[in-house]
């Protein structure tokens, strides 16, 4: 099974998502649940070696998988997969990526 590494950018993205849900929306339990769901979905997808999608506005060799309305971008090599970013799919991607 390939090693899965969450980059600092991806970790920051998750923290921003959780902050918005927990603090701005005042839904702490939902924030905890969404965190677990995003991490589980991404790592399960990668562990099962399911195909990702190419996004025309993402950097070369990045793939993504969609979970609810978030796009989870990752880059895979033979023995490691790095989760690069987690972004809201409704955002303008070039400025985000």
C-alpha atoms as a PDB file:
ATOM      1  CA  UNK A   1       0.000   0.000   0.000  1.00  0.00           C
ATOM      2  CA  UNK A   2       1.425   3.410  -0.911  1.00  0.00           C
ATOM      3  CA  UNK A   3       2.271   5.854   1.846  1.00  0.00           C
ATOM      4  CA  UNK A   4      -0.203   8.754   2.050  1.00  0.00           C
ATOM      5  CA  UNK A   5       1.154  12.162   3.025  1.00  0.00           C
ATOM      6  CA  UNK A   6      -0.959  15.271   3.599  1.00  0.00           C
ATOM      7  CA  UNK A   7       1.024  18.352   2.559  1.00  0.00           C
ATOM      8  CA  UNK A   8       1.034  21.453   4.746  1.00  0.00           C
ATOM      9  CA  UNK A   9      -1.167  23.171   2.168  1.00  0.00           C
ATOM     10  CA  UNK A  10      -3.734  20.361   2.331  1.00  0.00           C
ATOM     11  CA  UNK A  11      -3.653  20.434   6.134  1.00  0.00           C
ATOM     12  CA  UNK A  12      -4.177  24.216   6.074  1.00  0.00           C
ATOM     13  CA  UNK A  13      -7.070  23.768   3.639  1.00  0.00           C
ATOM     14  CA  UNK A  14      -8.724  21.287   6.013  1.00  0.00           C
ATOM     15  CA  UNK A  15      -8.178  23.628   8.960  1.00  0.00           C
ATOM     16  CA  UNK A  16      -9.834  26.483   7.023  1.00  0.00           C
ATOM     17  CA  UNK A  17     -12.792  24.284   6.092  1.00  0.00           C
ATOM     18  CA  UNK A  18     -13.229  23.159   9.681  1.00  0.00           C
ATOM     19  CA  UNK A  19     -12.860  26.687  11.041  1.00  0.00           C
ATOM     20  CA  UNK A  20     -15.585  27.901   8.727  1.00  0.00           C
ATOM     21  CA  UNK A  21     -17.972  25.092   9.681  1.00  0.00           C
ATOM     22  CA  UNK A  22     -17.203  25.102  13.418  1.00  0.00           C
ATOM     23  CA  UNK A  23     -16.769  28.811  14.129  1.00  0.00           C
ATOM     24  CA  UNK A  24     -18.525  30.750  11.393  1.00  0.00           C
ATOM     25  CA  UNK A  25     -21.437  28.335  10.969  1.00  0.00           C
ATOM     26  CA  UNK A  26     -21.309  27.335  14.672  1.00  0.00           C
ATOM     27  CA  UNK A  27     -21.576  23.633  13.872  1.00  0.00           C
ATOM     28  CA  UNK A  28     -18.747  21.992  15.806  1.00  0.00           C
ATOM     29  CA  UNK A  29     -20.093  18.439  15.580  1.00  0.00           C
ATOM     30  CA  UNK A  30     -20.523  18.762  11.829  1.00  0.00           C
ATOM     31  CA  UNK A  31     -16.968  20.090  11.502  1.00  0.00           C
ATOM     32  CA  UNK A  32     -15.571  17.053  13.321  1.00  0.00           C
ATOM     33  CA  UNK A  33     -17.650  14.726  11.159  1.00  0.00           C
ATOM     34  CA  UNK A  34     -16.652  16.453   7.894  1.00  0.00           C
ATOM     35  CA  UNK A  35     -12.975  16.256   8.843  1.00  0.00           C
ATOM     36  CA  UNK A  36     -13.222  12.511   9.444  1.00  0.00           C
ATOM     37  CA  UNK A  37     -15.235  11.993   6.255  1.00  0.00           C
ATOM     38  CA  UNK A  38     -12.803  13.906   4.015  1.00  0.00           C
ATOM     39  CA  UNK A  39      -9.742  12.129   5.407  1.00  0.00           C
ATOM     40  CA  UNK A  40     -11.395   8.693   5.243  1.00  0.00           C
ATOM     41  CA  UNK A  41     -12.704   9.241   1.716  1.00  0.00           C
ATOM     42  CA  UNK A  42      -9.359  10.469   0.361  1.00  0.00           C
ATOM     43  CA  UNK A  43      -7.274   7.787   2.005  1.00  0.00           C
ATOM     44  CA  UNK A  44      -9.719   5.019   1.064  1.00  0.00           C
ATOM     45  CA  UNK A  45      -9.777   6.176  -2.568  1.00  0.00           C
ATOM     46  CA  UNK A  46      -5.983   6.195  -2.709  1.00  0.00           C
ATOM     47  CA  UNK A  47      -5.543   2.900  -0.852  1.00  0.00           C
ATOM     48  CA  UNK A  48      -7.925   1.144  -3.232  1.00  0.00           C
ATOM     49  CA  UNK A  49      -6.007   2.647  -6.176  1.00  0.00           C
ATOM     50  CA  UNK A  50      -9.200   3.988  -7.715  1.00  0.00           C
ATOM     51  CA  UNK A  51      -8.747   6.278 -10.701  1.00  0.00           C
ATOM     52  CA  UNK A  52      -8.618  10.021 -10.164  1.00  0.00           C
ATOM     53  CA  UNK A  53      -9.701  12.765 -12.519  1.00  0.00           C
ATOM     54  CA  UNK A  54      -7.618  15.338 -14.362  1.00  0.00           C
ATOM     55  CA  UNK A  55      -8.672  18.946 -13.873  1.00  0.00           C
ATOM     56  CA  UNK A  56      -7.678  21.322 -16.692  1.00  0.00           C
ATOM     57  CA  UNK A  57      -6.792  24.099 -14.244  1.00  0.00           C
ATOM     58  CA  UNK A  58      -4.722  21.982 -11.856  1.00  0.00           C
ATOM     59  CA  UNK A  59      -0.959  21.565 -12.068  1.00  0.00           C
ATOM     60  CA  UNK A  60       0.351  18.807 -14.306  1.00  0.00           C
ATOM     61  CA  UNK A  61       0.265  15.289 -12.803  1.00  0.00           C
ATOM     62  CA  UNK A  62      -2.263  16.289 -10.135  1.00  0.00           C
ATOM     63  CA  UNK A  63      -5.406  14.211  -9.976  1.00  0.00           C
ATOM     64  CA  UNK A  64      -8.502  14.879  -7.955  1.00  0.00           C
ATOM     65  CA  UNK A  65     -11.443  13.118  -6.409  1.00  0.00           C
ATOM     66  CA  UNK A  66     -14.632  14.877  -5.361  1.00  0.00           C
ATOM     67  CA  UNK A  67     -16.117  14.443  -1.906  1.00  0.00           C
ATOM     68  CA  UNK A  68     -19.423  16.286  -1.586  1.00  0.00           C
ATOM     69  CA  UNK A  69     -18.473  19.740  -2.905  1.00  0.00           C
ATOM     70  CA  UNK A  70     -14.761  19.562  -2.073  1.00  0.00           C
ATOM     71  CA  UNK A  71     -12.079  18.616  -4.548  1.00  0.00           C
ATOM     72  CA  UNK A  72      -9.210  16.636  -3.057  1.00  0.00           C
ATOM     73  CA  UNK A  73      -6.124  17.044  -5.236  1.00  0.00           C
ATOM     74  CA  UNK A  74      -3.320  14.530  -5.015  1.00  0.00           C
ATOM     75  CA  UNK A  75      -0.172  13.453  -6.789  1.00  0.00           C
ATOM     76  CA  UNK A  76       0.804   9.788  -6.877  1.00  0.00           C
ATOM     77  CA  UNK A  77       4.138   8.088  -7.371  1.00  0.00           C
ATOM     78  CA  UNK A  78       4.965   4.405  -7.170  1.00  0.00           C
ATOM     79  CA  UNK A  79       5.360   4.274  -3.385  1.00  0.00           C
ATOM     80  CA  UNK A  80       3.800   7.501  -2.097  1.00  0.00           C
ATOM     81  CA  UNK A  81       0.774   9.684  -2.645  1.00  0.00           C
ATOM     82  CA  UNK A  82       0.760  13.300  -1.547  1.00  0.00           C
ATOM     83  CA  UNK A  83      -2.533  15.000  -0.944  1.00  0.00           C
ATOM     84  CA  UNK A  84      -1.785  18.460  -2.268  1.00  0.00           C
ATOM     85  CA  UNK A  85      -4.903  20.572  -1.645  1.00  0.00           C
ATOM     86  CA  UNK A  86      -8.530  20.333  -0.506  1.00  0.00           C
ATOM     87  CA  UNK A  87     -10.650  23.077  -2.060  1.00  0.00           C
ATOM     88  CA  UNK A  88     -14.278  23.995  -2.443  1.00  0.00           C
ATOM     89  CA  UNK A  89     -15.270  22.964  -5.949  1.00  0.00           C
ATOM     90  CA  UNK A  90     -17.234  26.182  -6.455  1.00  0.00           C
ATOM     91  CA  UNK A  91     -14.120  28.355  -6.014  1.00  0.00           C
ATOM     92  CA  UNK A  92     -12.045  29.742  -8.840  1.00  0.00           C
ATOM     93  CA  UNK A  93      -9.217  27.200  -8.947  1.00  0.00           C
ATOM     94  CA  UNK A  94      -6.212  28.992 -10.511  1.00  0.00           C
ATOM     95  CA  UNK A  95      -6.096  31.547  -7.712  1.00  0.00           C
ATOM     96  CA  UNK A  96      -6.563  28.770  -5.161  1.00  0.00           C
ATOM     97  CA  UNK A  97      -4.007  26.356  -6.541  1.00  0.00           C
END
